[in-house]
Amino acid sequence: QEQLVESGGGLVQAGGSLRLSCVASGRSINVYTMGWFRQAPGKEREFVAAINWNGGNTHYQDSGKGRFTISRDNAKNTVYLQMNSLKPEDTAVYYCARTSGINSPVTSLVEDYGFWGWGTQVTVSS
């Protein structure tokens, strides 16, 4: 059974860092673009970052550029999101997702992602 399991969330002060991990099981992710999204209470799910199948291309939401770094280790079937200089407005549940199609270009569209994890809570205090 396919699963995406996120971890690494928690409570951190503004200016701090967190590293999120997304471990896939039941399916190899090495041919899929992987993405991170987040959803704050009362808001729609929004794109954070994406990385193509071999890590050669990445794409970030403007608010995360220069602060967030997405990476992947296909040998470990894992995707990471390093988040630095965190702000209170980064508080949200963070979700990992894989695209529906293989060898897809990086995409920020929710509808391009066909499988999602359950999410991990990130809370940034001011």
PDB file of N, CA and C in Angstrom:
ATOM      1  N   GLN A   1       0.843  -1.188   0.000  1.00  0.00           N
ATOM      2  CA  GLN A   1       0.000   0.000   0.000  1.00  0.00           C
ATOM      3  C   GLN A   1       0.885   1.247   0.000  1.00  0.00           C
ATOM      4  N   GLU A   2       0.620   2.132  -0.928  1.00  0.00           N
ATOM      5  CA  GLU A   2       1.433   3.332  -1.025  1.00  0.00           C
ATOM      6  C   GLU A   2       1.185   4.269   0.142  1.00  0.00           C
ATOM      7  N   GLN A   3       2.260   4.865   0.651  1.00  0.00           N
ATOM      8  CA  GLN A   3       2.166   5.842   1.720  1.00  0.00           C
ATOM      9  C   GLN A   3       3.225   6.922   1.540  1.00  0.00           C
ATOM     10  N   LEU A   4       2.867   8.121   1.944  1.00  0.00           N
ATOM     11  CA  LEU A   4       3.806   9.221   2.106  1.00  0.00           C
ATOM     12  C   LEU A   4       3.678   9.690   3.543  1.00  0.00           C
ATOM     13  N   VAL A   5       4.765   9.626   4.294  1.00  0.00           N
ATOM     14  CA  VAL A   5       4.718   9.958   5.704  1.00  0.00           C
ATOM     15  C   VAL A   5       5.660  11.118   5.979  1.00  0.00           C
ATOM     16  N   GLU A   6       5.065  12.231   6.397  1.00  0.00           N
ATOM     17  CA  GLU A   6       5.849  13.418   6.720  1.00  0.00           C
ATOM     18  C   GLU A   6       6.255  13.408   8.186  1.00  0.00           C
ATOM     19  N   SER A   7       7.386  14.014   8.465  1.00  0.00           N
ATOM     20  CA  SER A   7       7.850  14.169   9.840  1.00  0.00           C
ATOM     21  C   SER A   7       8.758  15.391   9.896  1.00  0.00           C
ATOM     22  N   GLY A   8       9.096  15.789  11.125  1.00  0.00           N
ATOM     23  CA  GLY A   8      10.017  16.903  11.311  1.00  0.00           C
ATOM     24  C   GLY A   8       9.357  18.209  11.696  1.00  0.00           C
ATOM     25  N   GLY A   9       8.043  18.227  11.714  1.00  0.00           N
ATOM     26  CA  GLY A   9       7.359  19.429  12.134  1.00  0.00           C
ATOM     27  C   GLY A   9       7.484  19.644  13.634  1.00  0.00           C
ATOM     28  N   GLY A  10       7.000  20.802  14.079  1.00  0.00           N
ATOM     29  CA  GLY A  10       7.057  21.095  15.501  1.00  0.00           C
ATOM     30  C   GLY A  10       6.878  22.567  15.759  1.00  0.00           C
ATOM     31  N   LEU A  11       7.200  22.958  16.979  1.00  0.00           N
ATOM     32  CA  LEU A  11       7.096  24.347  17.419  1.00  0.00           C
ATOM     33  C   LEU A  11       8.492  24.963  17.413  1.00  0.00           C
ATOM     34  N   VAL A  12       8.629  26.102  16.767  1.00  0.00           N
ATOM     35  CA  VAL A  12       9.914  26.775  16.681  1.00  0.00           C
ATOM     36  C   VAL A  12       9.697  28.273  16.780  1.00  0.00           C
ATOM     37  N   GLN A  13      10.671  28.968  17.305  1.00  0.00           N
ATOM     38  CA  GLN A  13      10.578  30.419  17.389  1.00  0.00           C
ATOM     39  C   GLN A  13      10.889  31.054  16.025  1.00  0.00           C
ATOM     40  N   ALA A  14      10.355  32.227  15.843  1.00  0.00           N
ATOM     41  CA  ALA A  14      10.635  32.962  14.608  1.00  0.00           C
ATOM     42  C   ALA A  14      12.149  33.111  14.436  1.00  0.00           C
ATOM     43  N   GLY A  15      12.587  32.898  13.202  1.00  0.00           N
ATOM     44  CA  GLY A  15      14.013  32.927  12.910  1.00  0.00           C
ATOM     45  C   GLY A  15      14.678  31.572  12.975  1.00  0.00           C
ATOM     46  N   GLY A  16      13.966  30.595  13.507  1.00  0.00           N
ATOM     47  CA  GLY A  16      14.516  29.255  13.637  1.00  0.00           C
ATOM     48  C   GLY A  16      14.391  28.435  12.367  1.00  0.00           C
ATOM     49  N   SER A  17      14.804  27.174  12.462  1.00  0.00           N
ATOM     50  CA  SER A  17      14.822  26.280  11.311  1.00  0.00           C
ATOM     51  C   SER A  17      14.169  24.949  11.644  1.00  0.00           C
ATOM     52  N   LEU A  18      13.642  24.337  10.615  1.00  0.00           N
ATOM     53  CA  LEU A  18      13.131  22.975  10.691  1.00  0.00           C
ATOM     54  C   LEU A  18      13.464  22.263   9.393  1.00  0.00           C
ATOM     55  N   ARG A  19      13.633  20.956   9.495  1.00  0.00           N
ATOM     56  CA  ARG A  19      13.827  20.132   8.305  1.00  0.00           C
ATOM     57  C   ARG A  19      12.730  19.082   8.263  1.00  0.00           C
ATOM     58  N   LEU A  20      11.880  19.193   7.278  1.00  0.00           N
ATOM     59  CA  LEU A  20      10.811  18.220   7.096  1.00  0.00           C
ATOM     60  C   LEU A  20      11.293  17.084   6.213  1.00  0.00           C
ATOM     61  N   SER A  21      10.815  15.889   6.515  1.00  0.00           N
ATOM     62  CA  SER A  21      11.112  14.717   5.693  1.00  0.00           C
ATOM     63  C   SER A  21       9.809  14.092   5.231  1.00  0.00           C
ATOM     64  N   CYS A  22       9.854  13.486   4.081  1.00  0.00           N
ATOM     65  CA  CYS A  22       8.708  12.755   3.544  1.00  0.00           C
ATOM     66  C   CYS A  22       9.241  11.425   3.033  1.00  0.00           C
ATOM     67  N   VAL A  23       8.885  10.358   3.730  1.00  0.00           N
ATOM     68  CA  VAL A  23       9.340   9.027   3.357  1.00  0.00           C
ATOM     69  C   VAL A  23       8.225   8.302   2.616  1.00  0.00           C
ATOM     70  N   ALA A  24       8.540   7.835   1.432  1.00  0.00           N
ATOM     71  CA  ALA A  24       7.570   7.108   0.625  1.00  0.00           C
ATOM     72  C   ALA A  24       7.762   5.607   0.790  1.00  0.00           C
ATOM     73  N   SER A  25       6.651   4.899   0.766  1.00  0.00           N
ATOM     74  CA  SER A  25       6.698   3.442   0.796  1.00  0.00           C
ATOM     75  C   SER A  25       5.607   2.906  -0.106  1.00  0.00           C
ATOM     76  N   GLY A  26       5.802   1.684  -0.567  1.00  0.00           N
ATOM     77  CA  GLY A  26       4.812   1.058  -1.427  1.00  0.00           C
ATOM     78  C   GLY A  26       4.930   1.433  -2.894  1.00  0.00           C
ATOM     79  N   ARG A  27       5.730   2.423  -3.200  1.00  0.00           N
ATOM     80  CA  ARG A  27       5.962   2.850  -4.589  1.00  0.00           C
ATOM     81  C   ARG A  27       7.257   3.641  -4.624  1.00  0.00           C
ATOM     82  N   SER A  28       8.078   3.394  -5.618  1.00  0.00           N
ATOM     83  CA  SER A  28       9.284   4.190  -5.776  1.00  0.00           C
ATOM     84  C   SER A  28       8.924   5.553  -6.337  1.00  0.00           C
ATOM     85  N   ILE A  29       9.506   6.601  -5.746  1.00  0.00           N
ATOM     86  CA  ILE A  29       9.190   7.960  -6.196  1.00  0.00           C
ATOM     87  C   ILE A  29      10.210   8.484  -7.197  1.00  0.00           C
ATOM     88  N   ASN A  30      11.143   7.641  -7.623  1.00  0.00           N
ATOM     89  CA  ASN A  30      12.268   8.158  -8.417  1.00  0.00           C
ATOM     90  C   ASN A  30      11.904   8.555  -9.841  1.00  0.00           C
ATOM     91  N   VAL A  31      10.644   8.402 -10.233  1.00  0.00           N
ATOM     92  CA  VAL A  31      10.234   8.889 -11.555  1.00  0.00           C
ATOM     93  C   VAL A  31       9.180   9.986 -11.440  1.00  0.00           C
ATOM     94  N   TYR A  32       8.958  10.458 -10.225  1.00  0.00           N
ATOM     95  CA  TYR A  32       7.911  11.451 -10.000  1.00  0.00           C
ATOM     96  C   TYR A  32       8.471  12.776  -9.514  1.00  0.00           C
ATOM     97  N   THR A  33       7.847  13.851  -9.977  1.00  0.00           N
ATOM     98  CA  THR A  33       8.047  15.140  -9.329  1.00  0.00           C
ATOM     99  C   THR A  33       7.364  15.094  -7.971  1.00  0.00           C
ATOM    100  N   MET A  34       8.049  15.637  -6.982  1.00  0.00           N
ATOM    101  CA  MET A  34       7.508  15.673  -5.622  1.00  0.00           C
ATOM    102  C   MET A  34       7.333  17.125  -5.187  1.00  0.00           C
ATOM    103  N   GLY A  35       6.300  17.347  -4.409  1.00  0.00           N
ATOM    104  CA  GLY A  35       6.032  18.710  -3.973  1.00  0.00           C
ATOM    105  C   GLY A  35       5.722  18.791  -2.493  1.00  0.00           C
ATOM    106  N   TRP A  36       5.915  19.978  -1.959  1.00  0.00           N
ATOM    107  CA  TRP A  36       5.477  20.320  -0.600  1.00  0.00           C
ATOM    108  C   TRP A  36       4.423  21.418  -0.716  1.00  0.00           C
ATOM    109  N   PHE A  37       3.360  21.238   0.027  1.00  0.00           N
ATOM    110  CA  PHE A  37       2.284  22.213   0.119  1.00  0.00           C
ATOM    111  C   PHE A  37       2.022  22.489   1.589  1.00  0.00           C
ATOM    112  N   ARG A  38       1.274  23.542   1.867  1.00  0.00           N
ATOM    113  CA  ARG A  38       0.902  23.819   3.242  1.00  0.00           C
ATOM    114  C   ARG A  38      -0.510  24.391   3.285  1.00  0.00           C
ATOM    115  N   GLN A  39      -1.125  24.219   4.446  1.00  0.00           N
ATOM    116  CA  GLN A  39      -2.475  24.736   4.638  1.00  0.00           C
ATOM    117  C   GLN A  39      -2.608  25.276   6.048  1.00  0.00           C
ATOM    118  N   ALA A  40      -2.891  26.550   6.136  1.00  0.00           N
ATOM    119  CA  ALA A  40      -3.130  27.198   7.421  1.00  0.00           C
ATOM    120  C   ALA A  40      -4.622  27.170   7.724  1.00  0.00           C
ATOM    121  N   PRO A  41      -4.999  27.284   8.983  1.00  0.00           N
ATOM    122  CA  PRO A  41      -6.424  27.247   9.337  1.00  0.00           C
ATOM    123  C   PRO A  41      -7.209  28.320   8.582  1.00  0.00           C
ATOM    124  N   GLY A  42      -8.307  27.903   7.982  1.00  0.00           N
ATOM    125  CA  GLY A  42      -9.170  28.835   7.277  1.00  0.00           C
ATOM    126  C   GLY A  42      -8.675  29.255   5.915  1.00  0.00           C
ATOM    127  N   LYS A  43      -7.567  28.678   5.473  1.00  0.00           N
ATOM    128  CA  LYS A  43      -7.010  29.052   4.175  1.00  0.00           C
ATOM    129  C   LYS A  43      -6.934  27.839   3.259  1.00  0.00           C
ATOM    130  N   GLU A  44      -6.801  28.115   1.968  1.00  0.00           N
ATOM    131  CA  GLU A  44      -6.661  27.044   1.005  1.00  0.00           C
ATOM    132  C   GLU A  44      -5.244  26.476   1.045  1.00  0.00           C
ATOM    133  N   ARG A  45      -5.133  25.237   0.569  1.00  0.00           N
ATOM    134  CA  ARG A  45      -3.823  24.621   0.477  1.00  0.00           C
ATOM    135  C   ARG A  45      -2.994  25.383  -0.563  1.00  0.00           C
ATOM    136  N   GLU A  46      -1.753  25.678  -0.224  1.00  0.00           N
ATOM    137  CA  GLU A  46      -0.921  26.448  -1.131  1.00  0.00           C
ATOM    138  C   GLU A  46       0.420  25.760  -1.382  1.00  0.00           C
ATOM    139  N   PHE A  47       0.935  25.998  -2.560  1.00  0.00           N
ATOM    140  CA  PHE A  47       2.198  25.430  -2.996  1.00  0.00           C
ATOM    141  C   PHE A  47       3.358  26.042  -2.222  1.00  0.00           C
ATOM    142  N   VAL A  48       4.332  25.188  -1.885  1.00  0.00           N
ATOM    143  CA  VAL A  48       5.544  25.656  -1.213  1.00  0.00           C
ATOM    144  C   VAL A  48       6.769  25.451  -2.104  1.00  0.00           C
ATOM    145  N   ALA A  49       6.968  24.204  -2.557  1.00  0.00           N
ATOM    146  CA  ALA A  49       8.146  23.888  -3.357  1.00  0.00           C
ATOM    147  C   ALA A  49       7.936  22.569  -4.082  1.00  0.00           C
ATOM    148  N   ALA A  50       8.663  22.400  -5.181  1.00  0.00           N
ATOM    149  CA  ALA A  50       8.607  21.152  -5.932  1.00  0.00           C
ATOM    150  C   ALA A  50       9.987  20.826  -6.484  1.00  0.00           C
ATOM    151  N   ILE A  51      10.218  19.531  -6.721  1.00  0.00           N
ATOM    152  CA  ILE A  51      11.493  19.063  -7.260  1.00  0.00           C
ATOM    153  C   ILE A  51      11.202  17.971  -8.267  1.00  0.00           C
ATOM    154  N   ASN A  52      11.903  18.005  -9.403  1.00  0.00           N
ATOM    155  CA  ASN A  52      11.618  17.008 -10.433  1.00  0.00           C
ATOM    156  C   ASN A  52      12.258  15.674 -10.066  1.00  0.00           C
ATOM    157  N   TRP A  53      12.061  14.670 -10.930  1.00  0.00           N
ATOM    158  CA  TRP A  53      12.382  13.297 -10.563  1.00  0.00           C
ATOM    159  C   TRP A  53      13.837  13.073 -10.201  1.00  0.00           C
ATOM    160  N   ASN A  54      14.761  13.798 -10.830  1.00  0.00           N
ATOM    161  CA  ASN A  54      16.179  13.559 -10.547  1.00  0.00           C
ATOM    162  C   ASN A  54      16.811  14.682  -9.742  1.00  0.00           C
ATOM    163  N   GLY A  55      16.007  15.627  -9.268  1.00  0.00           N
ATOM    164  CA  GLY A  55      16.534  16.720  -8.468  1.00  0.00           C
ATOM    165  C   GLY A  55      17.187  17.829  -9.253  1.00  0.00           C
ATOM    166  N   GLY A  56      17.117  17.748 -10.570  1.00  0.00           N
ATOM    167  CA  GLY A  56      17.792  18.726 -11.395  1.00  0.00           C
ATOM    168  C   GLY A  56      17.043  20.026 -11.587  1.00  0.00           C
ATOM    169  N   ASN A  57      15.801  20.049 -11.182  1.00  0.00           N
ATOM    170  CA  ASN A  57      14.990  21.246 -11.351  1.00  0.00           C
ATOM    171  C   ASN A  57      14.102  21.422 -10.134  1.00  0.00           C
ATOM    172  N   THR A  58      14.082  22.627  -9.608  1.00  0.00           N
ATOM    173  CA  THR A  58      13.243  22.944  -8.450  1.00  0.00           C
ATOM    174  C   THR A  58      12.446  24.212  -8.725  1.00  0.00           C
ATOM    175  N   HIS A  59      11.394  24.377  -7.948  1.00  0.00           N
ATOM    176  CA  HIS A  59      10.515  25.545  -8.092  1.00  0.00           C
ATOM    177  C   HIS A  59       9.984  25.897  -6.716  1.00  0.00           C
ATOM    178  N   TYR A  60       9.943  27.184  -6.400  1.00  0.00           N
ATOM    179  CA  TYR A  60       9.518  27.623  -5.072  1.00  0.00           C
ATOM    180  C   TYR A  60       8.447  28.698  -5.164  1.00  0.00           C
ATOM    181  N   GLN A  61       7.584  28.683  -4.153  1.00  0.00           N
ATOM    182  CA  GLN A  61       6.683  29.814  -3.959  1.00  0.00           C
ATOM    183  C   GLN A  61       7.538  31.019  -3.606  1.00  0.00           C
ATOM    184  N   ASP A  62       7.113  32.200  -4.031  1.00  0.00           N
ATOM    185  CA  ASP A  62       7.932  33.397  -3.828  1.00  0.00           C
ATOM    186  C   ASP A  62       8.283  33.621  -2.355  1.00  0.00           C
ATOM    187  N   SER A  63       7.351  33.344  -1.455  1.00  0.00           N
ATOM    188  CA  SER A  63       7.598  33.635  -0.041  1.00  0.00           C
ATOM    189  C   SER A  63       8.678  32.735   0.547  1.00  0.00           C
ATOM    190  N   GLY A  64       8.950  31.602  -0.110  1.00  0.00           N
ATOM    191  CA  GLY A  64       9.952  30.681   0.408  1.00  0.00           C
ATOM    192  C   GLY A  64      11.311  30.792  -0.239  1.00  0.00           C
ATOM    193  N   LYS A  65      11.396  31.530  -1.317  1.00  0.00           N
ATOM    194  CA  LYS A  65      12.676  31.647  -2.026  1.00  0.00           C
ATOM    195  C   LYS A  65      13.744  32.256  -1.123  1.00  0.00           C
ATOM    196  N   GLY A  66      14.895  31.613  -1.103  1.00  0.00           N
ATOM    197  CA  GLY A  66      15.979  32.079  -0.257  1.00  0.00           C
ATOM    198  C   GLY A  66      15.915  31.579   1.169  1.00  0.00           C
ATOM    199  N   ARG A  67      14.780  31.036   1.567  1.00  0.00           N
ATOM    200  CA  ARG A  67      14.628  30.508   2.933  1.00  0.00           C
ATOM    201  C   ARG A  67      14.423  28.993   2.943  1.00  0.00           C
ATOM    202  N   PHE A  68      13.713  28.481   1.940  1.00  0.00           N
ATOM    203  CA  PHE A  68      13.392  27.050   1.890  1.00  0.00           C
ATOM    204  C   PHE A  68      14.223  26.366   0.810  1.00  0.00           C
ATOM    205  N   THR A  69      14.589  25.121   1.074  1.00  0.00           N
ATOM    206  CA  THR A  69      15.300  24.319   0.087  1.00  0.00           C
ATOM    207  C   THR A  69      14.694  22.929   0.039  1.00  0.00           C
ATOM    208  N   ILE A  70      14.248  22.529  -1.146  1.00  0.00           N
ATOM    209  CA  ILE A  70      13.720  21.189  -1.335  1.00  0.00           C
ATOM    210  C   ILE A  70      14.822  20.311  -1.926  1.00  0.00           C
ATOM    211  N   SER A  71      14.874  19.073  -1.468  1.00  0.00           N
ATOM    212  CA  SER A  71      15.862  18.131  -1.974  1.00  0.00           C
ATOM    213  C   SER A  71      15.281  16.727  -1.909  1.00  0.00           C
ATOM    214  N   ARG A  72      15.967  15.788  -2.529  1.00  0.00           N
ATOM    215  CA  ARG A  72      15.470  14.415  -2.501  1.00  0.00           C
ATOM    216  C   ARG A  72      16.630  13.438  -2.516  1.00  0.00           C
ATOM    217  N   ASP A  73      16.374  12.266  -1.972  1.00  0.00           N
ATOM    218  CA  ASP A  73      17.309  11.160  -1.999  1.00  0.00           C
ATOM    219  C   ASP A  73      16.526   9.949  -2.518  1.00  0.00           C
ATOM    220  N   ASN A  74      16.637   9.705  -3.797  1.00  0.00           N
ATOM    221  CA  ASN A  74      15.841   8.623  -4.384  1.00  0.00           C
ATOM    222  C   ASN A  74      16.234   7.244  -3.849  1.00  0.00           C
ATOM    223  N   ALA A  75      17.480   7.105  -3.452  1.00  0.00           N
ATOM    224  CA  ALA A  75      17.903   5.824  -2.882  1.00  0.00           C
ATOM    225  C   ALA A  75      17.170   5.531  -1.573  1.00  0.00           C
ATOM    226  N   LYS A  76      16.786   6.602  -0.873  1.00  0.00           N
ATOM    227  CA  LYS A  76      16.049   6.452   0.388  1.00  0.00           C
ATOM    228  C   LYS A  76      14.553   6.690   0.201  1.00  0.00           C
ATOM    229  N   ASN A  77      14.149   6.942  -1.038  1.00  0.00           N
ATOM    230  CA  ASN A  77      12.731   7.201  -1.319  1.00  0.00           C
ATOM    231  C   ASN A  77      12.187   8.329  -0.438  1.00  0.00           C
ATOM    232  N   THR A  78      12.974   9.374  -0.300  1.00  0.00           N
ATOM    233  CA  THR A  78      12.677  10.441   0.652  1.00  0.00           C
ATOM    234  C   THR A  78      12.876  11.810   0.011  1.00  0.00           C
ATOM    235  N   VAL A  79      11.995  12.723   0.396  1.00  0.00           N
ATOM    236  CA  VAL A  79      12.080  14.114  -0.011  1.00  0.00           C
ATOM    237  C   VAL A  79      12.183  14.965   1.246  1.00  0.00           C
ATOM    238  N   TYR A  80      12.935  16.054   1.141  1.00  0.00           N
ATOM    239  CA  TYR A  80      13.165  16.920   2.299  1.00  0.00           C
ATOM    240  C   TYR A  80      12.747  18.355   1.979  1.00  0.00           C
ATOM    241  N   LEU A  81      12.432  19.083   3.051  1.00  0.00           N
ATOM    242  CA  LEU A  81      12.226  20.527   2.934  1.00  0.00           C
ATOM    243  C   LEU A  81      12.951  21.181   4.097  1.00  0.00           C
ATOM    244  N   GLN A  82      14.053  21.831   3.793  1.00  0.00           N
ATOM    245  CA  GLN A  82      14.790  22.588   4.798  1.00  0.00           C
ATOM    246  C   GLN A  82      14.207  23.987   4.845  1.00  0.00           C
ATOM    247  N   MET A  83      13.775  24.384   6.025  1.00  0.00           N
ATOM    248  CA  MET A  83      13.153  25.698   6.197  1.00  0.00           C
ATOM    249  C   MET A  83      13.953  26.520   7.191  1.00  0.00           C
ATOM    250  N   ASN A  84      14.477  27.630   6.744  1.00  0.00           N
ATOM    251  CA  ASN A  84      15.268  28.533   7.581  1.00  0.00           C
ATOM    252  C   ASN A  84      14.563  29.871   7.728  1.00  0.00           C
ATOM    253  N   SER A  85      15.007  30.648   8.695  1.00  0.00           N
ATOM    254  CA  SER A  85      14.447  31.993   8.916  1.00  0.00           C
ATOM    255  C   SER A  85      12.926  31.941   8.954  1.00  0.00           C
ATOM    256  N   LEU A  86      12.407  31.019   9.723  1.00  0.00           N
ATOM    257  CA  LEU A  86      10.953  30.824   9.761  1.00  0.00           C
ATOM    258  C   LEU A  86      10.237  32.030  10.346  1.00  0.00           C
ATOM    259  N   LYS A  87       9.040  32.269   9.830  1.00  0.00           N
ATOM    260  CA  LYS A  87       8.206  33.386  10.242  1.00  0.00           C
ATOM    261  C   LYS A  87       6.886  32.855  10.774  1.00  0.00           C
ATOM    262  N   PRO A  88       6.203  33.615  11.621  1.00  0.00           N
ATOM    263  CA  PRO A  88       4.900  33.159  12.115  1.00  0.00           C
ATOM    264  C   PRO A  88       3.928  32.829  10.986  1.00  0.00           C
ATOM    265  N   GLU A  89       4.015  33.522   9.877  1.00  0.00           N
ATOM    266  CA  GLU A  89       3.112  33.257   8.758  1.00  0.00           C
ATOM    267  C   GLU A  89       3.423  31.943   8.039  1.00  0.00           C
ATOM    268  N   ASP A  90       4.499  31.279   8.411  1.00  0.00           N
ATOM    269  CA  ASP A  90       4.792  29.948   7.876  1.00  0.00           C
ATOM    270  C   ASP A  90       4.036  28.860   8.637  1.00  0.00           C
ATOM    271  N   THR A  91       3.356  29.236   9.704  1.00  0.00           N
ATOM    272  CA  THR A  91       2.600  28.263  10.493  1.00  0.00           C
ATOM    273  C   THR A  91       1.506  27.628   9.644  1.00  0.00           C
ATOM    274  N   ALA A  92       1.514  26.299   9.589  1.00  0.00           N
ATOM    275  CA  ALA A  92       0.556  25.558   8.769  1.00  0.00           C
ATOM    276  C   ALA A  92       0.814  24.065   8.932  1.00  0.00           C
ATOM    277  N   VAL A  93      -0.085  23.272   8.393  1.00  0.00           N
ATOM    278  CA  VAL A  93       0.188  21.847   8.207  1.00  0.00           C
ATOM    279  C   VAL A  93       0.871  21.710   6.849  1.00  0.00           C
ATOM    280  N   TYR A  94       1.991  21.027   6.839  1.00  0.00           N
ATOM    281  CA  TYR A  94       2.784  20.848   5.626  1.00  0.00           C
ATOM    282  C   TYR A  94       2.563  19.435   5.082  1.00  0.00           C
ATOM    283  N   TYR A  95       2.255  19.378   3.787  1.00  0.00           N
ATOM    284  CA  TYR A  95       1.948  18.118   3.121  1.00  0.00           C
ATOM    285  C   TYR A  95       2.966  17.828   2.023  1.00  0.00           C
ATOM    286  N   CYS A  96       3.294  16.567   1.913  1.00  0.00           N
ATOM    287  CA  CYS A  96       4.129  16.062   0.831  1.00  0.00           C
ATOM    288  C   CYS A  96       3.199  15.420  -0.200  1.00  0.00           C
ATOM    289  N   ALA A  97       3.561  15.537  -1.473  1.00  0.00           N
ATOM    290  CA  ALA A  97       2.720  14.950  -2.509  1.00  0.00           C
ATOM    291  C   ALA A  97       3.569  14.547  -3.709  1.00  0.00           C
ATOM    292  N   ARG A  98       3.094  13.570  -4.466  1.00  0.00           N
ATOM    293  CA  ARG A  98       3.764  13.194  -5.709  1.00  0.00           C
ATOM    294  C   ARG A  98       2.808  13.454  -6.873  1.00  0.00           C
ATOM    295  N   THR A  99       3.375  13.743  -8.033  1.00  0.00           N
ATOM    296  CA  THR A  99       2.545  14.003  -9.193  1.00  0.00           C
ATOM    297  C   THR A  99       1.859  12.729  -9.676  1.00  0.00           C
ATOM    298  N   SER A 100       0.800  12.917 -10.405  1.00  0.00           N
ATOM    299  CA  SER A 100       0.074  11.771 -10.944  1.00  0.00           C
ATOM    300  C   SER A 100       0.866  11.098 -12.053  1.00  0.00           C
ATOM    301  N   GLY A 101       1.518  11.888 -12.900  1.00  0.00           N
ATOM    302  CA  GLY A 101       2.257  11.354 -14.025  1.00  0.00           C
ATOM    303  C   GLY A 101       3.730  11.221 -13.722  1.00  0.00           C
ATOM    304  N   ILE A 102       4.396  10.315 -14.453  1.00  0.00           N
ATOM    305  CA  ILE A 102       5.830  10.140 -14.267  1.00  0.00           C
ATOM    306  C   ILE A 102       6.594  11.154 -15.114  1.00  0.00           C
ATOM    307  N   ASN A 103       7.811  11.451 -14.656  1.00  0.00           N
ATOM    308  CA  ASN A 103       8.702  12.376 -15.360  1.00  0.00           C
ATOM    309  C   ASN A 103       8.034  13.717 -15.675  1.00  0.00           C
ATOM    310  N   SER A 104       7.191  14.163 -14.781  1.00  0.00           N
ATOM    311  CA  SER A 104       6.497  15.429 -14.971  1.00  0.00           C
ATOM    312  C   SER A 104       7.445  16.593 -14.730  1.00  0.00           C
ATOM    313  N   PRO A 105       7.217  17.732 -15.381  1.00  0.00           N
ATOM    314  CA  PRO A 105       7.976  18.931 -15.026  1.00  0.00           C
ATOM    315  C   PRO A 105       7.542  19.411 -13.642  1.00  0.00           C
ATOM    316  N   VAL A 106       8.343  20.239 -13.015  1.00  0.00           N
ATOM    317  CA  VAL A 106       7.934  20.781 -11.724  1.00  0.00           C
ATOM    318  C   VAL A 106       6.655  21.590 -11.919  1.00  0.00           C
ATOM    319  N   THR A 107       5.764  21.474 -10.970  1.00  0.00           N
ATOM    320  CA  THR A 107       4.470  22.132 -11.074  1.00  0.00           C
ATOM    321  C   THR A 107       4.011  22.579  -9.697  1.00  0.00           C
ATOM    322  N   SER A 108       3.303  23.681  -9.666  1.00  0.00           N
ATOM    323  CA  SER A 108       2.770  24.224  -8.418  1.00  0.00           C
ATOM    324  C   SER A 108       1.267  23.968  -8.292  1.00  0.00           C
ATOM    325  N   LEU A 109       0.694  23.271  -9.246  1.00  0.00           N
ATOM    326  CA  LEU A 109      -0.757  23.085  -9.271  1.00  0.00           C
ATOM    327  C   LEU A 109      -1.172  21.890  -8.431  1.00  0.00           C
ATOM    328  N   VAL A 110      -2.071  22.115  -7.503  1.00  0.00           N
ATOM    329  CA  VAL A 110      -2.557  21.045  -6.634  1.00  0.00           C
ATOM    330  C   VAL A 110      -3.107  19.891  -7.471  1.00  0.00           C
ATOM    331  N   GLU A 111      -3.793  20.206  -8.545  1.00  0.00           N
ATOM    332  CA  GLU A 111      -4.452  19.168  -9.336  1.00  0.00           C
ATOM    333  C   GLU A 111      -3.480  18.273 -10.094  1.00  0.00           C
ATOM    334  N   ASP A 112      -2.219  18.650 -10.170  1.00  0.00           N
ATOM    335  CA  ASP A 112      -1.217  17.808 -10.829  1.00  0.00           C
ATOM    336  C   ASP A 112      -0.677  16.718  -9.913  1.00  0.00           C
ATOM    337  N   TYR A 113      -1.002  16.802  -8.644  1.00  0.00           N
ATOM    338  CA  TYR A 113      -0.486  15.853  -7.663  1.00  0.00           C
ATOM    339  C   TYR A 113      -1.565  14.829  -7.333  1.00  0.00           C
ATOM    340  N   GLY A 114      -1.197  13.567  -7.463  1.00  0.00           N
ATOM    341  CA  GLY A 114      -2.187  12.517  -7.344  1.00  0.00           C
ATOM    342  C   GLY A 114      -2.174  11.748  -6.047  1.00  0.00           C
ATOM    343  N   PHE A 115      -1.175  11.955  -5.230  1.00  0.00           N
ATOM    344  CA  PHE A 115      -1.121  11.224  -3.967  1.00  0.00           C
ATOM    345  C   PHE A 115      -0.489  12.115  -2.919  1.00  0.00           C
ATOM    346  N   TRP A 116      -1.082  12.081  -1.713  1.00  0.00           N
ATOM    347  CA  TRP A 116      -0.709  13.005  -0.659  1.00  0.00           C
ATOM    348  C   TRP A 116      -0.436  12.275   0.643  1.00  0.00           C
ATOM    349  N   GLY A 117       0.437  12.886   1.451  1.00  0.00           N
ATOM    350  CA  GLY A 117       0.627  12.412   2.805  1.00  0.00           C
ATOM    351  C   GLY A 117      -0.391  13.037   3.735  1.00  0.00           C
ATOM    352  N   TRP A 118      -0.285  12.687   5.017  1.00  0.00           N
ATOM    353  CA  TRP A 118      -1.242  13.173   6.009  1.00  0.00           C
ATOM    354  C   TRP A 118      -0.846  14.517   6.595  1.00  0.00           C
ATOM    355  N   GLY A 119       0.394  14.910   6.422  1.00  0.00           N
ATOM    356  CA  GLY A 119       0.803  16.217   6.871  1.00  0.00           C
ATOM    357  C   GLY A 119       1.520  16.217   8.205  1.00  0.00           C
ATOM    358  N   THR A 120       2.288  17.288   8.424  1.00  0.00           N
ATOM    359  CA  THR A 120       2.966  17.501   9.699  1.00  0.00           C
ATOM    360  C   THR A 120       2.814  18.977  10.074  1.00  0.00           C
ATOM    361  N   GLN A 121       2.506  19.211  11.349  1.00  0.00           N
ATOM    362  CA  GLN A 121       2.222  20.573  11.803  1.00  0.00           C
ATOM    363  C   GLN A 121       3.518  21.344  12.045  1.00  0.00           C
ATOM    364  N   VAL A 122       3.572  22.547  11.516  1.00  0.00           N
ATOM    365  CA  VAL A 122       4.661  23.477  11.780  1.00  0.00           C
ATOM    366  C   VAL A 122       4.061  24.723  12.427  1.00  0.00           C
ATOM    367  N   THR A 123       4.557  25.060  13.597  1.00  0.00           N
ATOM    368  CA  THR A 123       4.082  26.241  14.305  1.00  0.00           C
ATOM    369  C   THR A 123       5.264  27.132  14.627  1.00  0.00           C
ATOM    370  N   VAL A 124       5.184  28.373  14.174  1.00  0.00           N
ATOM    371  CA  VAL A 124       6.261  29.333  14.396  1.00  0.00           C
ATOM    372  C   VAL A 124       5.745  30.424  15.320  1.00  0.00           C
ATOM    373  N   SER A 125       6.364  30.552  16.474  1.00  0.00           N
ATOM    374  CA  SER A 125       5.940  31.549  17.452  1.00  0.00           C
ATOM    375  C   SER A 125       6.730  32.840  17.258  1.00  0.00           C
ATOM    376  N   SER A 126       6.063  33.940  17.563  1.00  0.00           N
ATOM    377  CA  SER A 126       6.696  35.255  17.371  1.00  0.00           C
ATOM    378  C   SER A 126       7.458  35.674  18.624  1.00  0.00           C
TER     379      SER A 126
END
